[in-house]
């Protein structure tokens, strides 16, 4: 399978989340990462980025259903943040 891109490592930002709140921050080692969100029934998860690990900015519109968000711009820190929650058990992972 040479020549194919493969996701080689995963970092869990949100684990079985059942309320609003920011997940754990991830410091990617590459400039291209993907956020995978699973378990949304009725909720919104946004992607947040930071250069200092303290001040985070939301990029994009967020997701209201399971899916993936690719990130092609290098950021020092990224995290998932559940900003609205009604139901579901949400997991959010970053892959490099």
PDB file of N, CA and C in Angstrom:
ATOM      1  N   UNK A   1       0.810  -1.197   0.000  1.00  0.00           N
ATOM      2  CA  UNK A   1       0.000   0.000   0.000  1.00  0.00           C
ATOM      3  C   UNK A   1       0.848   1.252   0.000  1.00  0.00           C
ATOM      4  N   UNK A   2       1.974   1.207  -0.582  1.00  0.00           N
ATOM      5  CA  UNK A   2       2.812   2.404  -0.611  1.00  0.00           C
ATOM      6  C   UNK A   2       2.146   3.478  -1.445  1.00  0.00           C
ATOM      7  N   UNK A   3       2.423   4.727  -1.095  1.00  0.00           N
ATOM      8  CA  UNK A   3       1.847   5.852  -1.815  1.00  0.00           C
ATOM      9  C   UNK A   3       0.524   6.328  -1.255  1.00  0.00           C
ATOM     10  N   UNK A   4      -0.047   5.604  -0.268  1.00  0.00           N
ATOM     11  CA  UNK A   4      -1.303   6.037   0.322  1.00  0.00           C
ATOM     12  C   UNK A   4      -1.023   6.765   1.625  1.00  0.00           C
ATOM     13  N   UNK A   5      -1.800   7.817   1.876  1.00  0.00           N
ATOM     14  CA  UNK A   5      -1.701   8.512   3.161  1.00  0.00           C
ATOM     15  C   UNK A   5      -2.417   7.683   4.212  1.00  0.00           C
ATOM     16  N   UNK A   6      -1.784   7.526   5.370  1.00  0.00           N
ATOM     17  CA  UNK A   6      -2.393   6.761   6.455  1.00  0.00           C
ATOM     18  C   UNK A   6      -2.344   7.579   7.722  1.00  0.00           C
ATOM     19  N   UNK A   7      -3.422   7.544   8.481  1.00  0.00           N
ATOM     20  CA  UNK A   7      -3.453   8.207   9.774  1.00  0.00           C
ATOM     21  C   UNK A   7      -2.660   7.343  10.742  1.00  0.00           C
ATOM     22  N   UNK A   8      -1.632   7.937  11.358  1.00  0.00           N
ATOM     23  CA  UNK A   8      -0.708   7.131  12.132  1.00  0.00           C
ATOM     24  C   UNK A   8      -0.879   7.243  13.637  1.00  0.00           C
ATOM     25  N   UNK A   9      -1.490   8.284  14.130  1.00  0.00           N
ATOM     26  CA  UNK A   9      -1.668   8.401  15.574  1.00  0.00           C
ATOM     27  C   UNK A   9      -2.967   9.142  15.869  1.00  0.00           C
ATOM     28  N   UNK A  10      -3.537   8.862  17.047  1.00  0.00           N
ATOM     29  CA  UNK A  10      -4.785   9.502  17.436  1.00  0.00           C
ATOM     30  C   UNK A  10      -4.622  10.122  18.811  1.00  0.00           C
ATOM     31  N   UNK A  11      -5.273  11.268  19.015  1.00  0.00           N
ATOM     32  CA  UNK A  11      -5.279  11.956  20.303  1.00  0.00           C
ATOM     33  C   UNK A  11      -6.730  12.235  20.651  1.00  0.00           C
ATOM     34  N   UNK A  12      -7.171  11.815  21.824  1.00  0.00           N
ATOM     35  CA  UNK A  12      -8.549  12.013  22.256  1.00  0.00           C
ATOM     36  C   UNK A  12      -8.696  13.370  22.935  1.00  0.00           C
ATOM     37  N   UNK A  13      -9.488  14.253  22.337  1.00  0.00           N
ATOM     38  CA  UNK A  13      -9.737  15.570  22.917  1.00  0.00           C
ATOM     39  C   UNK A  13     -10.983  15.541  23.802  1.00  0.00           C
ATOM     40  N   UNK A  14     -12.071  14.953  23.315  1.00  0.00           N
ATOM     41  CA  UNK A  14     -13.292  14.758  24.103  1.00  0.00           C
ATOM     42  C   UNK A  14     -13.529  13.250  24.235  1.00  0.00           C
ATOM     43  N   UNK A  15     -13.772  12.790  25.449  1.00  0.00           N
ATOM     44  CA  UNK A  15     -14.014  11.373  25.682  1.00  0.00           C
ATOM     45  C   UNK A  15     -15.334  11.196  26.412  1.00  0.00           C
ATOM     46  N   UNK A  16     -16.311  10.601  25.728  1.00  0.00           N
ATOM     47  CA  UNK A  16     -17.633  10.329  26.299  1.00  0.00           C
ATOM     48  C   UNK A  16     -18.251  11.583  26.928  1.00  0.00           C
ATOM     49  N   UNK A  17     -18.156  12.711  26.230  1.00  0.00           N
ATOM     50  CA  UNK A  17     -18.692  13.975  26.730  1.00  0.00           C
ATOM     51  C   UNK A  17     -20.217  13.954  26.711  1.00  0.00           C
ATOM     52  N   UNK A  18     -20.819  14.406  27.806  1.00  0.00           N
ATOM     53  CA  UNK A  18     -22.276  14.487  27.922  1.00  0.00           C
ATOM     54  C   UNK A  18     -22.694  15.854  28.459  1.00  0.00           C
ATOM     55  N   UNK A  19     -21.887  16.861  28.151  1.00  0.00           N
ATOM     56  CA  UNK A  19     -22.161  18.239  28.575  1.00  0.00           C
ATOM     57  C   UNK A  19     -21.304  19.170  27.713  1.00  0.00           C
ATOM     58  N   UNK A  20     -21.570  20.471  27.808  1.00  0.00           N
ATOM     59  CA  UNK A  20     -20.740  21.425  27.085  1.00  0.00           C
ATOM     60  C   UNK A  20     -19.386  21.545  27.767  1.00  0.00           C
ATOM     61  N   UNK A  21     -18.389  21.976  26.981  1.00  0.00           N
ATOM     62  CA  UNK A  21     -17.063  22.202  27.545  1.00  0.00           C
ATOM     63  C   UNK A  21     -15.962  21.872  26.562  1.00  0.00           C
ATOM     64  N   UNK A  22     -14.813  22.468  26.800  1.00  0.00           N
ATOM     65  CA  UNK A  22     -13.653  22.272  25.938  1.00  0.00           C
ATOM     66  C   UNK A  22     -12.962  20.960  26.259  1.00  0.00           C
ATOM     67  N   UNK A  23     -12.453  20.328  25.224  1.00  0.00           N
ATOM     68  CA  UNK A  23     -11.689  19.106  25.382  1.00  0.00           C
ATOM     69  C   UNK A  23     -10.226  19.405  25.648  1.00  0.00           C
ATOM     70  N   UNK A  24      -9.448  18.347  25.763  1.00  0.00           N
ATOM     71  CA  UNK A  24      -8.008  18.482  25.976  1.00  0.00           C
ATOM     72  C   UNK A  24      -7.346  19.039  24.721  1.00  0.00           C
ATOM     73  N   UNK A  25      -6.363  19.905  24.930  1.00  0.00           N
ATOM     74  CA  UNK A  25      -5.628  20.496  23.813  1.00  0.00           C
ATOM     75  C   UNK A  25      -4.608  19.512  23.279  1.00  0.00           C
ATOM     76  N   UNK A  26      -4.383  19.580  21.983  1.00  0.00           N
ATOM     77  CA  UNK A  26      -3.439  18.714  21.278  1.00  0.00           C
ATOM     78  C   UNK A  26      -2.406  19.588  20.591  1.00  0.00           C
ATOM     79  N   UNK A  27      -1.144  19.204  20.687  1.00  0.00           N
ATOM     80  CA  UNK A  27      -0.045  19.903  20.029  1.00  0.00           C
ATOM     81  C   UNK A  27       0.413  19.037  18.863  1.00  0.00           C
ATOM     82  N   UNK A  28      -0.127  19.269  17.653  1.00  0.00           N
ATOM     83  CA  UNK A  28       0.210  18.409  16.522  1.00  0.00           C
ATOM     84  C   UNK A  28       1.676  18.564  16.102  1.00  0.00           C
ATOM     85  N   UNK A  29       2.231  17.474  15.609  1.00  0.00           N
ATOM     86  CA  UNK A  29       3.614  17.476  15.137  1.00  0.00           C
ATOM     87  C   UNK A  29       3.705  17.690  13.631  1.00  0.00           C
ATOM     88  N   UNK A  30       2.559  17.714  12.961  1.00  0.00           N
ATOM     89  CA  UNK A  30       2.514  17.970  11.520  1.00  0.00           C
ATOM     90  C   UNK A  30       1.548  19.122  11.260  1.00  0.00           C
ATOM     91  N   UNK A  31       1.601  19.664  10.054  1.00  0.00           N
ATOM     92  CA  UNK A  31       0.726  20.794   9.731  1.00  0.00           C
ATOM     93  C   UNK A  31      -0.656  20.340   9.283  1.00  0.00           C
ATOM     94  N   UNK A  32      -0.821  19.073   8.967  1.00  0.00           N
ATOM     95  CA  UNK A  32      -2.116  18.577   8.507  1.00  0.00           C
ATOM     96  C   UNK A  32      -2.648  17.552   9.502  1.00  0.00           C
ATOM     97  N   UNK A  33      -3.759  17.891  10.146  1.00  0.00           N
ATOM     98  CA  UNK A  33      -4.413  16.973  11.073  1.00  0.00           C
ATOM     99  C   UNK A  33      -5.902  16.931  10.738  1.00  0.00           C
ATOM    100  N   UNK A  34      -6.589  15.928  11.268  1.00  0.00           N
ATOM    101  CA  UNK A  34      -8.023  15.782  11.051  1.00  0.00           C
ATOM    102  C   UNK A  34      -8.706  15.596  12.393  1.00  0.00           C
ATOM    103  N   UNK A  35      -9.807  16.308  12.594  1.00  0.00           N
ATOM    104  CA  UNK A  35     -10.646  16.132  13.776  1.00  0.00           C
ATOM    105  C   UNK A  35     -11.794  15.219  13.385  1.00  0.00           C
ATOM    106  N   UNK A  36     -11.933  14.098  14.091  1.00  0.00           N
ATOM    107  CA  UNK A  36     -13.027  13.166  13.872  1.00  0.00           C
ATOM    108  C   UNK A  36     -13.961  13.241  15.071  1.00  0.00           C
ATOM    109  N   UNK A  37     -15.250  13.508  14.815  1.00  0.00           N
ATOM    110  CA  UNK A  37     -16.249  13.635  15.879  1.00  0.00           C
ATOM    111  C   UNK A  37     -17.270  12.516  15.710  1.00  0.00           C
ATOM    112  N   UNK A  38     -17.569  11.824  16.823  1.00  0.00           N
ATOM    113  CA  UNK A  38     -18.532  10.728  16.812  1.00  0.00           C
ATOM    114  C   UNK A  38     -19.452  10.829  18.021  1.00  0.00           C
ATOM    115  N   UNK A  39     -20.665  10.324  17.883  1.00  0.00           N
ATOM    116  CA  UNK A  39     -21.584  10.216  19.010  1.00  0.00           C
ATOM    117  C   UNK A  39     -22.543  11.376  19.188  1.00  0.00           C
ATOM    118  N   UNK A  40     -22.582  12.301  18.228  1.00  0.00           N
ATOM    119  CA  UNK A  40     -23.505  13.432  18.345  1.00  0.00           C
ATOM    120  C   UNK A  40     -24.926  12.960  18.062  1.00  0.00           C
ATOM    121  N   UNK A  41     -25.838  13.245  18.978  1.00  0.00           N
ATOM    122  CA  UNK A  41     -27.261  13.069  18.725  1.00  0.00           C
ATOM    123  C   UNK A  41     -27.856  14.454  18.505  1.00  0.00           C
ATOM    124  N   UNK A  42     -27.789  15.304  19.529  1.00  0.00           N
ATOM    125  CA  UNK A  42     -28.187  16.703  19.401  1.00  0.00           C
ATOM    126  C   UNK A  42     -27.144  17.521  20.150  1.00  0.00           C
ATOM    127  N   UNK A  43     -26.164  18.034  19.413  1.00  0.00           N
ATOM    128  CA  UNK A  43     -25.065  18.803  20.004  1.00  0.00           C
ATOM    129  C   UNK A  43     -24.310  19.517  18.902  1.00  0.00           C
ATOM    130  N   UNK A  44     -23.450  20.446  19.301  1.00  0.00           N
ATOM    131  CA  UNK A  44     -22.558  21.133  18.371  1.00  0.00           C
ATOM    132  C   UNK A  44     -21.137  21.050  18.921  1.00  0.00           C
ATOM    133  N   UNK A  45     -20.214  20.632  18.066  1.00  0.00           N
ATOM    134  CA  UNK A  45     -18.803  20.588  18.423  1.00  0.00           C
ATOM    135  C   UNK A  45     -18.049  21.483  17.453  1.00  0.00           C
ATOM    136  N   UNK A  46     -17.243  22.392  18.002  1.00  0.00           N
ATOM    137  CA  UNK A  46     -16.451  23.298  17.171  1.00  0.00           C
ATOM    138  C   UNK A  46     -14.972  22.958  17.311  1.00  0.00           C
ATOM    139  N   UNK A  47     -14.225  23.366  16.303  1.00  0.00           N
ATOM    140  CA  UNK A  47     -12.772  23.237  16.301  1.00  0.00           C
ATOM    141  C   UNK A  47     -12.187  24.556  16.772  1.00  0.00           C
ATOM    142  N   UNK A  48     -11.301  24.498  17.745  1.00  0.00           N
ATOM    143  CA  UNK A  48     -10.649  25.711  18.236  1.00  0.00           C
ATOM    144  C   UNK A  48      -9.142  25.571  18.090  1.00  0.00           C
ATOM    145  N   UNK A  49      -8.484  26.705  17.804  1.00  0.00           N
ATOM    146  CA  UNK A  49      -7.035  26.722  17.591  1.00  0.00           C
ATOM    147  C   UNK A  49      -6.401  27.811  18.448  1.00  0.00           C
ATOM    148  N   UNK A  50      -5.111  27.610  18.741  1.00  0.00           N
ATOM    149  CA  UNK A  50      -4.389  28.571  19.578  1.00  0.00           C
ATOM    150  C   UNK A  50      -2.909  28.523  19.224  1.00  0.00           C
ATOM    151  N   UNK A  51      -2.253  29.639  19.383  1.00  0.00           N
ATOM    152  CA  UNK A  51      -0.804  29.679  19.223  1.00  0.00           C
ATOM    153  C   UNK A  51      -0.097  29.694  20.569  1.00  0.00           C
ATOM    154  N   UNK A  52      -0.836  29.974  21.677  1.00  0.00           N
ATOM    155  CA  UNK A  52      -0.198  30.054  22.990  1.00  0.00           C
ATOM    156  C   UNK A  52      -0.750  29.058  24.009  1.00  0.00           C
ATOM    157  N   UNK A  53      -1.798  28.299  23.656  1.00  0.00           N
ATOM    158  CA  UNK A  53      -2.372  27.335  24.573  1.00  0.00           C
ATOM    159  C   UNK A  53      -3.298  27.941  25.610  1.00  0.00           C
ATOM    160  N   UNK A  54      -3.522  29.249  25.531  1.00  0.00           N
ATOM    161  CA  UNK A  54      -4.388  29.936  26.488  1.00  0.00           C
ATOM    162  C   UNK A  54      -5.588  30.578  25.800  1.00  0.00           C
ATOM    163  N   UNK A  55      -5.335  31.314  24.728  1.00  0.00           N
ATOM    164  CA  UNK A  55      -6.380  32.012  23.995  1.00  0.00           C
ATOM    165  C   UNK A  55      -6.745  31.193  22.760  1.00  0.00           C
ATOM    166  N   UNK A  56      -7.981  30.706  22.724  1.00  0.00           N
ATOM    167  CA  UNK A  56      -8.448  29.862  21.620  1.00  0.00           C
ATOM    168  C   UNK A  56      -9.441  30.617  20.755  1.00  0.00           C
ATOM    169  N   UNK A  57      -9.400  30.328  19.457  1.00  0.00           N
ATOM    170  CA  UNK A  57     -10.291  30.910  18.472  1.00  0.00           C
ATOM    171  C   UNK A  57     -11.008  29.784  17.750  1.00  0.00           C
ATOM    172  N   UNK A  58     -12.311  29.921  17.589  1.00  0.00           N
ATOM    173  CA  UNK A  58     -13.088  28.933  16.849  1.00  0.00           C
ATOM    174  C   UNK A  58     -12.915  29.176  15.363  1.00  0.00           C
ATOM    175  N   UNK A  59     -12.644  28.105  14.618  1.00  0.00           N
ATOM    176  CA  UNK A  59     -12.579  28.229  13.159  1.00  0.00           C
ATOM    177  C   UNK A  59     -13.643  27.324  12.555  1.00  0.00           C
ATOM    178  N   UNK A  60     -14.262  27.795  11.515  1.00  0.00           N
ATOM    179  CA  UNK A  60     -15.319  27.031  10.874  1.00  0.00           C
ATOM    180  C   UNK A  60     -16.630  27.146  11.625  1.00  0.00           C
ATOM    181  N   UNK A  61     -17.629  26.432  11.131  1.00  0.00           N
ATOM    182  CA  UNK A  61     -18.983  26.528  11.675  1.00  0.00           C
ATOM    183  C   UNK A  61     -19.271  25.480  12.736  1.00  0.00           C
ATOM    184  N   UNK A  62     -18.438  24.491  12.873  1.00  0.00           N
ATOM    185  CA  UNK A  62     -18.713  23.424  13.814  1.00  0.00           C
ATOM    186  C   UNK A  62     -19.530  22.332  13.161  1.00  0.00           C
ATOM    187  N   UNK A  63     -19.699  21.224  13.875  1.00  0.00           N
ATOM    188  CA  UNK A  63     -20.454  20.102  13.336  1.00  0.00           C
ATOM    189  C   UNK A  63     -21.620  19.779  14.270  1.00  0.00           C
ATOM    190  N   UNK A  64     -22.733  19.379  13.670  1.00  0.00           N
ATOM    191  CA  UNK A  64     -23.911  18.983  14.432  1.00  0.00           C
ATOM    192  C   UNK A  64     -24.272  17.526  14.149  1.00  0.00           C
ATOM    193  N   UNK A  65     -23.407  16.828  13.450  1.00  0.00           N
ATOM    194  CA  UNK A  65     -23.561  15.402  13.164  1.00  0.00           C
ATOM    195  C   UNK A  65     -22.158  14.797  13.113  1.00  0.00           C
ATOM    196  N   UNK A  66     -22.063  13.495  13.258  1.00  0.00           N
ATOM    197  CA  UNK A  66     -20.765  12.836  13.197  1.00  0.00           C
ATOM    198  C   UNK A  66     -20.070  13.166  11.885  1.00  0.00           C
ATOM    199  N   UNK A  67     -18.753  13.385  11.954  1.00  0.00           N
ATOM    200  CA  UNK A  67     -18.014  13.687  10.743  1.00  0.00           C
ATOM    201  C   UNK A  67     -16.569  14.045  11.034  1.00  0.00           C
ATOM    202  N   UNK A  68     -15.881  14.475   9.996  1.00  0.00           N
ATOM    203  CA  UNK A  68     -14.461  14.808  10.097  1.00  0.00           C
ATOM    204  C   UNK A  68     -14.219  16.217   9.577  1.00  0.00           C
ATOM    205  N   UNK A  69     -13.260  16.897  10.208  1.00  0.00           N
ATOM    206  CA  UNK A  69     -12.856  18.241   9.790  1.00  0.00           C
ATOM    207  C   UNK A  69     -11.355  18.214   9.544  1.00  0.00           C
ATOM    208  N   UNK A  70     -10.920  18.384   8.287  1.00  0.00           N
ATOM    209  CA  UNK A  70      -9.478  18.440   8.020  1.00  0.00           C
ATOM    210  C   UNK A  70      -8.925  19.827   8.348  1.00  0.00           C
ATOM    211  N   UNK A  71      -7.697  19.859   8.832  1.00  0.00           N
ATOM    212  CA  UNK A  71      -7.015  21.113   9.156  1.00  0.00           C
ATOM    213  C   UNK A  71      -5.698  21.116   8.389  1.00  0.00           C
ATOM    214  N   UNK A  72      -5.548  22.068   7.479  1.00  0.00           N
ATOM    215  CA  UNK A  72      -4.335  22.119   6.657  1.00  0.00           C
ATOM    216  C   UNK A  72      -3.384  23.240   7.049  1.00  0.00           C
ATOM    217  N   UNK A  73      -3.765  24.057   8.007  1.00  0.00           N
ATOM    218  CA  UNK A  73      -2.933  25.167   8.453  1.00  0.00           C
ATOM    219  C   UNK A  73      -2.276  24.782   9.770  1.00  0.00           C
ATOM    220  N   UNK A  74      -0.986  25.010   9.913  1.00  0.00           N
ATOM    221  CA  UNK A  74      -0.337  24.619  11.172  1.00  0.00           C
ATOM    222  C   UNK A  74      -0.721  25.539  12.326  1.00  0.00           C
ATOM    223  N   UNK A  75      -1.140  24.938  13.411  1.00  0.00           N
ATOM    224  CA  UNK A  75      -1.415  25.642  14.659  1.00  0.00           C
ATOM    225  C   UNK A  75      -0.645  24.932  15.756  1.00  0.00           C
ATOM    226  N   UNK A  76      -0.237  25.679  16.770  1.00  0.00           N
ATOM    227  CA  UNK A  76       0.510  25.059  17.855  1.00  0.00           C
ATOM    228  C   UNK A  76      -0.390  24.161  18.702  1.00  0.00           C
ATOM    229  N   UNK A  77      -1.640  24.594  18.933  1.00  0.00           N
ATOM    230  CA  UNK A  77      -2.588  23.808  19.730  1.00  0.00           C
ATOM    231  C   UNK A  77      -3.935  23.779  19.032  1.00  0.00           C
ATOM    232  N   UNK A  78      -4.610  22.641  19.124  1.00  0.00           N
ATOM    233  CA  UNK A  78      -5.973  22.490  18.615  1.00  0.00           C
ATOM    234  C   UNK A  78      -6.770  21.739  19.674  1.00  0.00           C
ATOM    235  N   UNK A  79      -8.081  21.985  19.706  1.00  0.00           N
ATOM    236  CA  UNK A  79      -8.940  21.243  20.620  1.00  0.00           C
ATOM    237  C   UNK A  79     -10.361  21.223  20.078  1.00  0.00           C
ATOM    238  N   UNK A  80     -11.138  20.255  20.534  1.00  0.00           N
ATOM    239  CA  UNK A  80     -12.566  20.201  20.241  1.00  0.00           C
ATOM    240  C   UNK A  80     -13.288  20.834  21.425  1.00  0.00           C
ATOM    241  N   UNK A  81     -14.377  21.533  21.132  1.00  0.00           N
ATOM    242  CA  UNK A  81     -15.159  22.163  22.188  1.00  0.00           C
ATOM    243  C   UNK A  81     -16.633  21.911  21.905  1.00  0.00           C
ATOM    244  N   UNK A  82     -17.316  21.265  22.840  1.00  0.00           N
ATOM    245  CA  UNK A  82     -18.757  21.051  22.727  1.00  0.00           C
ATOM    246  C   UNK A  82     -19.437  22.322  23.236  1.00  0.00           C
ATOM    247  N   UNK A  83     -20.006  23.091  22.315  1.00  0.00           N
ATOM    248  CA  UNK A  83     -20.574  24.392  22.675  1.00  0.00           C
ATOM    249  C   UNK A  83     -22.077  24.356  22.912  1.00  0.00           C
ATOM    250  N   UNK A  84     -22.738  23.303  22.452  1.00  0.00           N
ATOM    251  CA  UNK A  84     -24.173  23.122  22.706  1.00  0.00           C
ATOM    252  C   UNK A  84     -24.418  21.634  22.871  1.00  0.00           C
ATOM    253  N   UNK A  85     -25.214  21.283  23.887  1.00  0.00           N
ATOM    254  CA  UNK A  85     -25.434  19.863  24.147  1.00  0.00           C
ATOM    255  C   UNK A  85     -26.871  19.623  24.594  1.00  0.00           C
ATOM    256  N   UNK A  86     -27.518  18.641  23.969  1.00  0.00           N
ATOM    257  CA  UNK A  86     -28.807  18.152  24.421  1.00  0.00           C
ATOM    258  C   UNK A  86     -28.724  16.648  24.667  1.00  0.00           C
ATOM    259  N   UNK A  87     -28.149  15.913  23.688  1.00  0.00           N
ATOM    260  CA  UNK A  87     -28.043  14.466  23.875  1.00  0.00           C
ATOM    261  C   UNK A  87     -26.921  13.887  23.025  1.00  0.00           C
ATOM    262  N   UNK A  88     -26.486  12.702  23.422  1.00  0.00           N
ATOM    263  CA  UNK A  88     -25.407  11.992  22.747  1.00  0.00           C
ATOM    264  C   UNK A  88     -24.260  11.748  23.715  1.00  0.00           C
ATOM    265  N   UNK A  89     -23.346  10.909  23.314  1.00  0.00           N
ATOM    266  CA  UNK A  89     -22.114  10.666  24.054  1.00  0.00           C
ATOM    267  C   UNK A  89     -20.995  10.926  23.063  1.00  0.00           C
ATOM    268  N   UNK A  90     -20.347  12.068  23.195  1.00  0.00           N
ATOM    269  CA  UNK A  90     -19.472  12.595  22.150  1.00  0.00           C
ATOM    270  C   UNK A  90     -18.014  12.239  22.405  1.00  0.00           C
ATOM    271  N   UNK A  91     -17.379  11.762  21.341  1.00  0.00           N
ATOM    272  CA  UNK A  91     -15.941  11.513  21.327  1.00  0.00           C
ATOM    273  C   UNK A  91     -15.356  12.312  20.177  1.00  0.00           C
ATOM    274  N   UNK A  92     -14.215  12.948  20.422  1.00  0.00           N
ATOM    275  CA  UNK A  92     -13.549  13.727  19.384  1.00  0.00           C
ATOM    276  C   UNK A  92     -12.063  13.396  19.420  1.00  0.00           C
ATOM    277  N   UNK A  93     -11.527  13.006  18.269  1.00  0.00           N
ATOM    278  CA  UNK A  93     -10.137  12.581  18.148  1.00  0.00           C
ATOM    279  C   UNK A  93      -9.421  13.403  17.082  1.00  0.00           C
ATOM    280  N   UNK A  94      -8.161  13.701  17.329  1.00  0.00           N
ATOM    281  CA  UNK A  94      -7.306  14.304  16.315  1.00  0.00           C
ATOM    282  C   UNK A  94      -6.393  13.224  15.761  1.00  0.00           C
ATOM    283  N   UNK A  95      -6.264  13.180  14.435  1.00  0.00           N
ATOM    284  CA  UNK A  95      -5.369  12.248  13.751  1.00  0.00           C
ATOM    285  C   UNK A  95      -4.334  13.035  12.972  1.00  0.00           C
ATOM    286  N   UNK A  96      -3.101  12.548  12.980  1.00  0.00           N
ATOM    287  CA  UNK A  96      -2.057  13.157  12.153  1.00  0.00           C
ATOM    288  C   UNK A  96      -1.727  12.206  11.024  1.00  0.00           C
TER     289      UNK A  96
END
